[in-house]
Amino acid sequence: MQAIRGRVRDLVEATWFTRAILAVIVANAIVLGIETSIDGGPVDVWLTRVDAVMLWIFVVELCLRIFAHGRRFFTDPWSIFDLLVVSIALVPASIDSLSALRALRILRALRVVNAVPSMKRVVNGLIAAVPGMGSVGALLVLVLYVSAVIATKLFRDVAPEHFDNLGVTLFTLFQVMTGEAWPDVAATVMAEMPGAWLFFVLFILVVSFAVLNLFIAVIVSGMESLEEELVEHDREDDASNAALLAEIQAVRAELAALRAERNGAPDPVDAPTGGSR
C-alpha cells in the first residue's frame, strides 16, 4: 500500500499532471462563460456534458491527492479550498433551495491560484497582511464616523439630501471617499456655505490619500515579510543540505580509510607460521 501511495504521490506532484489540471481549469472556466450566452439547443447540451466530464476530472484528481497525502491533505488550506469548490459544484441542480449554488461553479476557476506558484505567493502575502489591514480598516471606520458626525451637524440644514442623518452622511462620505460625484456634493453645500470646501479637502486628503494608502503599504509589507521568510527557509534548507553532505563525505572518508587499512594488513590465513622441525 505504501508503494502504491508513493507512486500516486509522484503522479499528482508531477509537473505534467499539474499543467494538465491547470489546462482543464482554464478550459472549464471558458465553457462556463460560454454557457451564459447560450440558452437551450444542442450546443448547450454539449457544453453541459463537457462541464460534467471536467467536473469528474476534478473529483478524480482530488481523490488521488487525498489518497496520496492522507491526513496531510486536510492540513493544507489550499487543498481544503479545492475540496470545497469542487463539492459546491456537485450540488444537484434538482434541489430548488440549493440550485443557486450551481452558479458558484465558476469558483473552480479560482483553483488556478493554487496551480500557479506565483499567484499562490501573492495570495499568501495578502493573507499575511490581514492583521495589519484590520487595524487600518478600524482606523478608517473611526475617521469616517467622526467625519460623519461633524458633517451631519454642519451641513444637515444646507443639504439634507446628503447629510440628513448619520446613515445618509456615512453613505455620502463613502461616495466622496471613492471620488464618485463628490464635486456635485461639494457644490451643493458650498452654494450655501462657501467655506465648506475646507472640510471636503481635508477629508479627501486624510481618507483617500493617507488611510487608503496605508492598505497598500500594509499589503506590500506583508508580501515582503513573506518573501523574507521564504528566503530564510531556503537558506536553512541549504545549510541543512550542506551539513548533511559534509556528514556523508566524512562517512565516505572513514569507509575509505577502513578499506585501505584492511587491504594493507596481511591476511591471517596467508601469514607465515614458521617451519616445523
C-alpha atoms as a PDB file:
ATOM      1  CA  MET A   1       0.000   0.000   0.000  1.00  0.00           C
ATOM      2  CA  GLN A   2       2.829   2.401   0.830  1.00  0.00           C
ATOM      3  CA  ALA A   3       4.432   1.698  -2.532  1.00  0.00           C
ATOM      4  CA  ILE A   4       1.150   2.410  -4.353  1.00  0.00           C
ATOM      5  CA  ARG A   5       0.640   5.593  -2.336  1.00  0.00           C
ATOM      6  CA  GLY A   6       4.169   6.707  -3.210  1.00  0.00           C
ATOM      7  CA  ARG A   7       3.519   6.165  -6.917  1.00  0.00           C
ATOM      8  CA  VAL A   8       0.252   8.114  -6.720  1.00  0.00           C
ATOM      9  CA  ARG A   9       2.049  10.914  -4.847  1.00  0.00           C
ATOM     10  CA  ASP A  10       4.681  11.081  -7.583  1.00  0.00           C
ATOM     11  CA  LEU A  11       1.862  11.265 -10.134  1.00  0.00           C
ATOM     12  CA  VAL A  12      -0.084  14.132  -8.532  1.00  0.00           C
ATOM     13  CA  GLU A  13       3.118  16.083  -7.855  1.00  0.00           C
ATOM     14  CA  ALA A  14       4.475  15.649 -11.378  1.00  0.00           C
ATOM     15  CA  THR A  15       4.831  18.800 -13.465  1.00  0.00           C
ATOM     16  CA  TRP A  16       2.909  17.429 -16.419  1.00  0.00           C
ATOM     17  CA  PHE A  17      -0.003  16.401 -14.187  1.00  0.00           C
ATOM     18  CA  THR A  18      -0.208  19.870 -12.607  1.00  0.00           C
ATOM     19  CA  ARG A  19      -0.115  21.532 -16.012  1.00  0.00           C
ATOM     20  CA  ALA A  20      -2.825  19.210 -17.317  1.00  0.00           C
ATOM     21  CA  ILE A  21      -5.132  20.074 -14.395  1.00  0.00           C
ATOM     22  CA  LEU A  22      -4.389  23.771 -14.947  1.00  0.00           C
ATOM     23  CA  ALA A  23      -5.396  23.406 -18.609  1.00  0.00           C
ATOM     24  CA  VAL A  24      -8.652  21.719 -17.573  1.00  0.00           C
ATOM     25  CA  ILE A  25      -9.369  24.541 -15.093  1.00  0.00           C
ATOM     26  CA  VAL A  26      -8.885  27.192 -17.791  1.00  0.00           C
ATOM     27  CA  ALA A  27     -10.974  25.246 -20.296  1.00  0.00           C
ATOM     28  CA  ASN A  28     -13.736  24.751 -17.723  1.00  0.00           C
ATOM     29  CA  ALA A  29     -13.841  28.496 -17.000  1.00  0.00           C
ATOM     30  CA  ILE A  30     -14.201  29.165 -20.741  1.00  0.00           C
ATOM     31  CA  VAL A  31     -17.019  26.602 -21.030  1.00  0.00           C
ATOM     32  CA  LEU A  32     -18.902  28.119 -18.082  1.00  0.00           C
ATOM     33  CA  GLY A  33     -18.541  31.561 -19.651  1.00  0.00           C
ATOM     34  CA  ILE A  34     -19.921  30.347 -22.987  1.00  0.00           C
ATOM     35  CA  GLU A  35     -22.873  28.714 -21.197  1.00  0.00           C
ATOM     36  CA  THR A  36     -24.031  32.145 -20.008  1.00  0.00           C
ATOM     37  CA  SER A  37     -24.543  33.236 -23.640  1.00  0.00           C
ATOM     38  CA  ILE A  38     -26.323  30.093 -24.838  1.00  0.00           C
ATOM     39  CA  ASP A  39     -29.764  29.124 -23.587  1.00  0.00           C
ATOM     40  CA  GLY A  40     -31.012  25.787 -24.831  1.00  0.00           C
ATOM     41  CA  GLY A  41     -30.266  23.913 -28.012  1.00  0.00           C
ATOM     42  CA  PRO A  42     -27.786  21.151 -28.846  1.00  0.00           C
ATOM     43  CA  VAL A  43     -24.775  23.368 -28.127  1.00  0.00           C
ATOM     44  CA  ASP A  44     -25.992  23.935 -24.568  1.00  0.00           C
ATOM     45  CA  VAL A  45     -26.433  20.179 -24.085  1.00  0.00           C
ATOM     46  CA  TRP A  46     -22.939  19.539 -25.426  1.00  0.00           C
ATOM     47  CA  LEU A  47     -21.428  22.179 -23.145  1.00  0.00           C
ATOM     48  CA  THR A  48     -23.241  20.687 -20.151  1.00  0.00           C
ATOM     49  CA  ARG A  49     -21.764  17.275 -20.901  1.00  0.00           C
ATOM     50  CA  VAL A  50     -18.275  18.748 -21.314  1.00  0.00           C
ATOM     51  CA  ASP A  51     -18.663  20.548 -17.982  1.00  0.00           C
ATOM     52  CA  ALA A  52     -19.732  17.304 -16.312  1.00  0.00           C
ATOM     53  CA  VAL A  53     -16.673  15.485 -17.694  1.00  0.00           C
ATOM     54  CA  MET A  54     -14.377  18.236 -16.413  1.00  0.00           C
ATOM     55  CA  LEU A  55     -16.063  18.127 -13.029  1.00  0.00           C
ATOM     56  CA  TRP A  56     -15.381  14.413 -12.700  1.00  0.00           C
ATOM     57  CA  ILE A  57     -11.778  15.009 -13.729  1.00  0.00           C
ATOM     58  CA  PHE A  58     -11.520  17.340 -10.732  1.00  0.00           C
ATOM     59  CA  VAL A  59     -13.178  14.742  -8.499  1.00  0.00           C
ATOM     60  CA  VAL A  60     -10.732  12.045  -9.590  1.00  0.00           C
ATOM     61  CA  GLU A  61      -7.814  14.442  -9.083  1.00  0.00           C
ATOM     62  CA  LEU A  62      -8.945  15.254  -5.525  1.00  0.00           C
ATOM     63  CA  CYS A  63      -9.419  11.553  -4.725  1.00  0.00           C
ATOM     64  CA  LEU A  64      -5.882  10.839  -5.938  1.00  0.00           C
ATOM     65  CA  ARG A  65      -4.483  13.702  -3.838  1.00  0.00           C
ATOM     66  CA  ILE A  66      -6.378  12.553  -0.738  1.00  0.00           C
ATOM     67  CA  PHE A  67      -5.120   9.008  -1.221  1.00  0.00           C
ATOM     68  CA  ALA A  68      -1.551  10.193  -1.868  1.00  0.00           C
ATOM     69  CA  HIS A  69      -1.258  12.603   1.056  1.00  0.00           C
ATOM     70  CA  GLY A  70      -3.631  11.014   3.573  1.00  0.00           C
ATOM     71  CA  ARG A  71      -4.332  13.188   6.604  1.00  0.00           C
ATOM     72  CA  ARG A  72      -1.830  15.801   5.462  1.00  0.00           C
ATOM     73  CA  PHE A  73      -4.279  16.735   2.703  1.00  0.00           C
ATOM     74  CA  PHE A  74      -6.643  18.213   5.300  1.00  0.00           C
ATOM     75  CA  THR A  75      -3.876  20.273   6.931  1.00  0.00           C
ATOM     76  CA  ASP A  76      -3.265  22.293   3.768  1.00  0.00           C
ATOM     77  CA  PRO A  77      -5.652  25.296   3.456  1.00  0.00           C
ATOM     78  CA  TRP A  78      -5.360  25.311  -0.341  1.00  0.00           C
ATOM     79  CA  SER A  79      -6.358  21.650  -0.502  1.00  0.00           C
ATOM     80  CA  ILE A  80      -9.387  22.381   1.679  1.00  0.00           C
ATOM     81  CA  PHE A  81     -10.262  25.258  -0.670  1.00  0.00           C
ATOM     82  CA  ASP A  82     -10.104  22.941  -3.695  1.00  0.00           C
ATOM     83  CA  LEU A  83     -12.273  20.394  -1.902  1.00  0.00           C
ATOM     84  CA  LEU A  84     -14.944  22.978  -1.014  1.00  0.00           C
ATOM     85  CA  VAL A  85     -15.049  24.421  -4.537  1.00  0.00           C
ATOM     86  CA  VAL A  86     -15.485  21.017  -6.155  1.00  0.00           C
ATOM     87  CA  SER A  87     -18.019  19.943  -3.503  1.00  0.00           C
ATOM     88  CA  ILE A  88     -20.181  23.002  -4.260  1.00  0.00           C
ATOM     89  CA  ALA A  89     -20.171  22.056  -7.942  1.00  0.00           C
ATOM     90  CA  LEU A  90     -21.514  18.594  -7.028  1.00  0.00           C
ATOM     91  CA  VAL A  91     -24.721  20.061  -5.525  1.00  0.00           C
ATOM     92  CA  PRO A  92     -27.677  18.631  -7.519  1.00  0.00           C
ATOM     93  CA  ALA A  93     -29.438  21.216  -9.649  1.00  0.00           C
ATOM     94  CA  SER A  94     -32.778  19.497  -8.940  1.00  0.00           C
ATOM     95  CA  ILE A  95     -32.779  20.815  -5.365  1.00  0.00           C
ATOM     96  CA  ASP A  96     -34.519  24.190  -5.658  1.00  0.00           C
ATOM     97  CA  SER A  97     -33.188  25.575  -2.400  1.00  0.00           C
ATOM     98  CA  LEU A  98     -29.623  24.791  -3.448  1.00  0.00           C
ATOM     99  CA  SER A  99     -29.846  25.392  -7.188  1.00  0.00           C
ATOM    100  CA  ALA A 100     -28.447  28.918  -6.769  1.00  0.00           C
ATOM    101  CA  LEU A 101     -25.203  27.375  -5.574  1.00  0.00           C
ATOM    102  CA  ARG A 102     -24.740  25.916  -9.035  1.00  0.00           C
ATOM    103  CA  ALA A 103     -23.787  29.420 -10.179  1.00  0.00           C
ATOM    104  CA  LEU A 104     -20.772  29.116  -7.894  1.00  0.00           C
ATOM    105  CA  ARG A 105     -19.288  26.525 -10.262  1.00  0.00           C
ATOM    106  CA  ILE A 106     -17.218  29.349 -11.714  1.00  0.00           C
ATOM    107  CA  LEU A 107     -15.295  29.331  -8.431  1.00  0.00           C
ATOM    108  CA  ARG A 108     -13.447  26.357  -9.871  1.00  0.00           C
ATOM    109  CA  ALA A 109     -11.559  28.896 -11.962  1.00  0.00           C
ATOM    110  CA  LEU A 110     -10.009  30.147  -8.722  1.00  0.00           C
ATOM    111  CA  ARG A 111      -8.176  26.845  -8.446  1.00  0.00           C
ATOM    112  CA  VAL A 112      -5.721  28.336 -10.906  1.00  0.00           C
ATOM    113  CA  VAL A 113      -4.370  30.286  -7.912  1.00  0.00           C
ATOM    114  CA  ASN A 114      -3.332  27.026  -6.272  1.00  0.00           C
ATOM    115  CA  ALA A 115      -1.891  25.688  -9.525  1.00  0.00           C
ATOM    116  CA  VAL A 116       0.298  28.738 -10.302  1.00  0.00           C
ATOM    117  CA  PRO A 117       3.031  29.229  -7.650  1.00  0.00           C
ATOM    118  CA  SER A 118       3.482  32.965  -8.349  1.00  0.00           C
ATOM    119  CA  MET A 119      -0.231  33.673  -7.850  1.00  0.00           C
ATOM    120  CA  LYS A 120      -0.213  31.499  -4.754  1.00  0.00           C
ATOM    121  CA  ARG A 121       2.600  33.593  -3.248  1.00  0.00           C
ATOM    122  CA  VAL A 122       0.641  36.793  -3.922  1.00  0.00           C
ATOM    123  CA  VAL A 123      -2.462  35.445  -2.173  1.00  0.00           C
ATOM    124  CA  ASN A 124      -0.354  34.211   0.750  1.00  0.00           C
ATOM    125  CA  GLY A 125       1.079  37.726   1.007  1.00  0.00           C
ATOM    126  CA  LEU A 126      -2.425  39.175   1.137  1.00  0.00           C
ATOM    127  CA  ILE A 127      -3.399  36.699   3.839  1.00  0.00           C
ATOM    128  CA  ALA A 128      -0.285  37.587   5.816  1.00  0.00           C
ATOM    129  CA  ALA A 129      -1.310  41.263   5.629  1.00  0.00           C
ATOM    130  CA  VAL A 130      -4.831  40.648   7.000  1.00  0.00           C
ATOM    131  CA  PRO A 131      -3.990  41.554  10.650  1.00  0.00           C
ATOM    132  CA  GLY A 132      -2.467  44.861   9.596  1.00  0.00           C
ATOM    133  CA  MET A 133      -5.353  45.523   7.207  1.00  0.00           C
ATOM    134  CA  GLY A 134      -7.769  45.004  10.098  1.00  0.00           C
ATOM    135  CA  SER A 135      -6.059  47.761  12.085  1.00  0.00           C
ATOM    136  CA  VAL A 136      -6.104  50.117   9.101  1.00  0.00           C
ATOM    137  CA  GLY A 137      -9.760  49.258   8.492  1.00  0.00           C
ATOM    138  CA  ALA A 138     -10.615  50.093  12.103  1.00  0.00           C
ATOM    139  CA  LEU A 139      -8.808  53.433  11.700  1.00  0.00           C
ATOM    140  CA  LEU A 140     -10.769  54.130   8.506  1.00  0.00           C
ATOM    141  CA  VAL A 141     -14.085  53.363  10.235  1.00  0.00           C
ATOM    142  CA  LEU A 142     -13.164  55.669  13.098  1.00  0.00           C
ATOM    143  CA  VAL A 143     -12.251  58.531  10.743  1.00  0.00           C
ATOM    144  CA  LEU A 144     -15.465  58.032   8.763  1.00  0.00           C
ATOM    145  CA  TYR A 145     -17.583  58.028  11.910  1.00  0.00           C
ATOM    146  CA  VAL A 146     -16.009  61.210  13.303  1.00  0.00           C
ATOM    147  CA  SER A 147     -16.293  62.931   9.927  1.00  0.00           C
ATOM    148  CA  ALA A 148     -19.921  61.846   9.547  1.00  0.00           C
ATOM    149  CA  VAL A 149     -20.904  63.283  12.930  1.00  0.00           C
ATOM    150  CA  ILE A 150     -19.188  66.589  12.100  1.00  0.00           C
ATOM    151  CA  ALA A 151     -20.697  66.764   8.591  1.00  0.00           C
ATOM    152  CA  THR A 152     -24.195  65.964   9.835  1.00  0.00           C
ATOM    153  CA  LYS A 153     -24.090  68.786  12.361  1.00  0.00           C
ATOM    154  CA  LEU A 154     -22.607  71.255   9.876  1.00  0.00           C
ATOM    155  CA  PHE A 155     -24.489  70.511   6.648  1.00  0.00           C
ATOM    156  CA  ARG A 156     -27.821  68.980   7.733  1.00  0.00           C
ATOM    157  CA  ASP A 157     -29.791  72.165   7.109  1.00  0.00           C
ATOM    158  CA  VAL A 158     -27.830  73.100   3.990  1.00  0.00           C
ATOM    159  CA  ALA A 159     -28.044  69.794   2.056  1.00  0.00           C
ATOM    160  CA  PRO A 160     -30.468  67.404   3.801  1.00  0.00           C
ATOM    161  CA  GLU A 161     -30.475  65.082   0.771  1.00  0.00           C
ATOM    162  CA  HIS A 162     -26.833  64.276   1.533  1.00  0.00           C
ATOM    163  CA  PHE A 163     -26.432  64.940   5.273  1.00  0.00           C
ATOM    164  CA  ASP A 164     -29.876  64.466   6.816  1.00  0.00           C
ATOM    165  CA  ASN A 165     -28.795  61.864   9.399  1.00  0.00           C
ATOM    166  CA  LEU A 166     -25.818  59.753  10.344  1.00  0.00           C
ATOM    167  CA  GLY A 167     -26.624  56.905   7.937  1.00  0.00           C
ATOM    168  CA  VAL A 168     -27.136  59.195   4.936  1.00  0.00           C
ATOM    169  CA  THR A 169     -23.989  61.125   5.808  1.00  0.00           C
ATOM    170  CA  LEU A 170     -21.917  57.948   6.061  1.00  0.00           C
ATOM    171  CA  PHE A 171     -23.052  56.899   2.594  1.00  0.00           C
ATOM    172  CA  THR A 172     -22.317  60.377   1.215  1.00  0.00           C
ATOM    173  CA  LEU A 173     -18.831  60.425   2.734  1.00  0.00           C
ATOM    174  CA  PHE A 174     -18.168  56.931   1.382  1.00  0.00           C
ATOM    175  CA  GLN A 175     -19.142  58.244  -2.032  1.00  0.00           C
ATOM    176  CA  VAL A 176     -16.823  61.223  -1.560  1.00  0.00           C
ATOM    177  CA  MET A 177     -14.041  58.863  -0.411  1.00  0.00           C
ATOM    178  CA  THR A 178     -14.258  56.865  -3.645  1.00  0.00           C
ATOM    179  CA  GLY A 179     -14.176  60.082  -5.690  1.00  0.00           C
ATOM    180  CA  GLU A 180     -17.587  59.424  -7.239  1.00  0.00           C
ATOM    181  CA  ALA A 181     -19.598  62.649  -7.857  1.00  0.00           C
ATOM    182  CA  TRP A 182     -18.037  64.399  -4.868  1.00  0.00           C
ATOM    183  CA  PRO A 183     -17.780  67.720  -6.763  1.00  0.00           C
ATOM    184  CA  ASP A 184     -21.587  67.742  -7.046  1.00  0.00           C
ATOM    185  CA  VAL A 185     -21.957  67.146  -3.313  1.00  0.00           C
ATOM    186  CA  ALA A 186     -19.408  69.832  -2.510  1.00  0.00           C
ATOM    187  CA  ALA A 187     -21.030  72.311  -4.939  1.00  0.00           C
ATOM    188  CA  THR A 188     -24.448  71.786  -3.325  1.00  0.00           C
ATOM    189  CA  VAL A 189     -23.056  72.563   0.119  1.00  0.00           C
ATOM    190  CA  MET A 190     -20.783  75.416  -0.989  1.00  0.00           C
ATOM    191  CA  ALA A 191     -23.705  77.175  -2.643  1.00  0.00           C
ATOM    192  CA  GLU A 192     -24.892  77.993   0.879  1.00  0.00           C
ATOM    193  CA  MET A 193     -21.598  77.696   2.815  1.00  0.00           C
ATOM    194  CA  PRO A 194     -18.632  78.819   0.693  1.00  0.00           C
ATOM    195  CA  GLY A 195     -16.140  77.770   3.355  1.00  0.00           C
ATOM    196  CA  ALA A 196     -17.289  74.131   3.239  1.00  0.00           C
ATOM    197  CA  TRP A 197     -14.523  73.345   0.757  1.00  0.00           C
ATOM    198  CA  LEU A 198     -12.102  73.110   3.674  1.00  0.00           C
ATOM    199  CA  PHE A 199     -13.946  70.106   5.136  1.00  0.00           C
ATOM    200  CA  PHE A 200     -14.049  68.206   1.838  1.00  0.00           C
ATOM    201  CA  VAL A 201     -10.398  68.894   1.020  1.00  0.00           C
ATOM    202  CA  LEU A 202      -9.220  67.761   4.456  1.00  0.00           C
ATOM    203  CA  PHE A 203     -11.473  64.689   4.345  1.00  0.00           C
ATOM    204  CA  ILE A 204     -10.192  63.596   0.929  1.00  0.00           C
ATOM    205  CA  LEU A 205      -6.568  64.198   1.917  1.00  0.00           C
ATOM    206  CA  VAL A 206      -6.870  62.221   5.153  1.00  0.00           C
ATOM    207  CA  VAL A 207      -9.030  59.353   3.918  1.00  0.00           C
ATOM    208  CA  SER A 208      -8.228  58.920   0.230  1.00  0.00           C
ATOM    209  CA  PHE A 209      -4.538  59.829   0.249  1.00  0.00           C
ATOM    210  CA  ALA A 210      -3.475  58.751   3.725  1.00  0.00           C
ATOM    211  CA  VAL A 211      -5.636  55.986   5.179  1.00  0.00           C
ATOM    212  CA  LEU A 212      -6.333  54.136   1.924  1.00  0.00           C
ATOM    213  CA  ASN A 213      -2.648  54.212   1.001  1.00  0.00           C
ATOM    214  CA  LEU A 214      -1.966  52.516   4.320  1.00  0.00           C
ATOM    215  CA  PHE A 215      -3.748  49.449   2.934  1.00  0.00           C
ATOM    216  CA  ILE A 216      -1.241  49.318   0.072  1.00  0.00           C
ATOM    217  CA  ALA A 217       1.654  49.793   2.486  1.00  0.00           C
ATOM    218  CA  VAL A 218       0.417  47.005   4.761  1.00  0.00           C
ATOM    219  CA  ILE A 219      -0.060  44.627   1.824  1.00  0.00           C
ATOM    220  CA  VAL A 220       3.408  45.372   0.452  1.00  0.00           C
ATOM    221  CA  SER A 221       4.909  44.935   3.915  1.00  0.00           C
ATOM    222  CA  GLY A 222       3.131  41.599   4.325  1.00  0.00           C
ATOM    223  CA  MET A 223       4.379  40.335   0.973  1.00  0.00           C
ATOM    224  CA  GLU A 224       7.919  41.477   1.745  1.00  0.00           C
ATOM    225  CA  SER A 225       7.879  39.695   5.114  1.00  0.00           C
ATOM    226  CA  LEU A 226       6.573  36.559   3.401  1.00  0.00           C
ATOM    227  CA  GLU A 227       9.362  36.739   0.825  1.00  0.00           C
ATOM    228  CA  GLU A 228      11.909  37.157   3.627  1.00  0.00           C
ATOM    229  CA  GLU A 229      10.515  34.090   5.375  1.00  0.00           C
ATOM    230  CA  LEU A 230      10.768  32.098   2.149  1.00  0.00           C
ATOM    231  CA  VAL A 231      14.363  33.248   1.607  1.00  0.00           C
ATOM    232  CA  GLU A 232      15.254  32.372   5.208  1.00  0.00           C
ATOM    233  CA  HIS A 233      13.594  28.981   4.807  1.00  0.00           C
ATOM    234  CA  ASP A 234      15.619  28.363   1.647  1.00  0.00           C
ATOM    235  CA  ARG A 235      18.799  29.343   3.475  1.00  0.00           C
ATOM    236  CA  GLU A 236      18.003  26.937   6.304  1.00  0.00           C
ATOM    237  CA  ASP A 237      17.364  24.180   3.769  1.00  0.00           C
ATOM    238  CA  ASP A 238      20.657  24.940   2.024  1.00  0.00           C
ATOM    239  CA  ALA A 239      22.520  24.907   5.355  1.00  0.00           C
ATOM    240  CA  SER A 240      20.854  21.624   6.332  1.00  0.00           C
ATOM    241  CA  ASN A 241      21.696  20.086   2.970  1.00  0.00           C
ATOM    242  CA  ALA A 242      25.306  21.290   3.255  1.00  0.00           C
ATOM    243  CA  ALA A 243      25.655  19.791   6.741  1.00  0.00           C
ATOM    244  CA  LEU A 244      24.147  16.509   5.541  1.00  0.00           C
ATOM    245  CA  LEU A 245      26.506  16.452   2.559  1.00  0.00           C
ATOM    246  CA  ALA A 246      29.500  17.071   4.852  1.00  0.00           C
ATOM    247  CA  GLU A 247      28.440  14.180   7.093  1.00  0.00           C
ATOM    248  CA  ILE A 248      28.060  11.886   4.091  1.00  0.00           C
ATOM    249  CA  GLN A 249      31.517  12.859   2.831  1.00  0.00           C
ATOM    250  CA  ALA A 250      33.000  12.242   6.296  1.00  0.00           C
ATOM    251  CA  VAL A 251      31.397   8.794   6.429  1.00  0.00           C
ATOM    252  CA  ARG A 252      32.746   8.002   2.963  1.00  0.00           C
ATOM    253  CA  ALA A 253      36.220   9.123   4.019  1.00  0.00           C
ATOM    254  CA  GLU A 254      36.089   6.885   7.092  1.00  0.00           C
ATOM    255  CA  LEU A 255      34.934   3.921   4.988  1.00  0.00           C
ATOM    256  CA  ALA A 256      37.723   4.541   2.500  1.00  0.00           C
ATOM    257  CA  ALA A 257      40.267   4.679   5.334  1.00  0.00           C
ATOM    258  CA  LEU A 258      38.962   1.416   6.802  1.00  0.00           C
ATOM    259  CA  ARG A 259      39.128  -0.278   3.405  1.00  0.00           C
ATOM    260  CA  ALA A 260      42.663   0.969   2.827  1.00  0.00           C
ATOM    261  CA  GLU A 261      43.731  -0.227   6.283  1.00  0.00           C
ATOM    262  CA  ARG A 262      42.176  -3.605   5.702  1.00  0.00           C
ATOM    263  CA  ASN A 263      43.744  -4.028   2.261  1.00  0.00           C
ATOM    264  CA  GLY A 264      47.162  -3.038   3.602  1.00  0.00           C
ATOM    265  CA  ALA A 265      47.142  -5.523   6.551  1.00  0.00           C
ATOM    266  CA  PRO A 266      48.321  -9.128   5.928  1.00  0.00           C
ATOM    267  CA  ASP A 267      45.669 -11.790   5.741  1.00  0.00           C
ATOM    268  CA  PRO A 268      45.800 -14.043   8.864  1.00  0.00           C
ATOM    269  CA  VAL A 269      45.395 -17.136   6.686  1.00  0.00           C
ATOM    270  CA  ASP A 270      48.349 -16.322   4.433  1.00  0.00           C
ATOM    271  CA  ALA A 271      50.648 -15.103   7.265  1.00  0.00           C
ATOM    272  CA  PRO A 272      53.874 -17.205   7.715  1.00  0.00           C
ATOM    273  CA  THR A 273      53.666 -19.674  10.613  1.00  0.00           C
ATOM    274  CA  GLY A 274      57.302 -20.931  10.587  1.00  0.00           C
ATOM    275  CA  GLY A 275      58.619 -24.404   9.649  1.00  0.00           C
ATOM    276  CA  SER A 276      58.161 -27.459  11.902  1.00  0.00           C
ATOM    277  CA  ARG A 277      61.177 -29.406  12.983  1.00  0.00           C
END
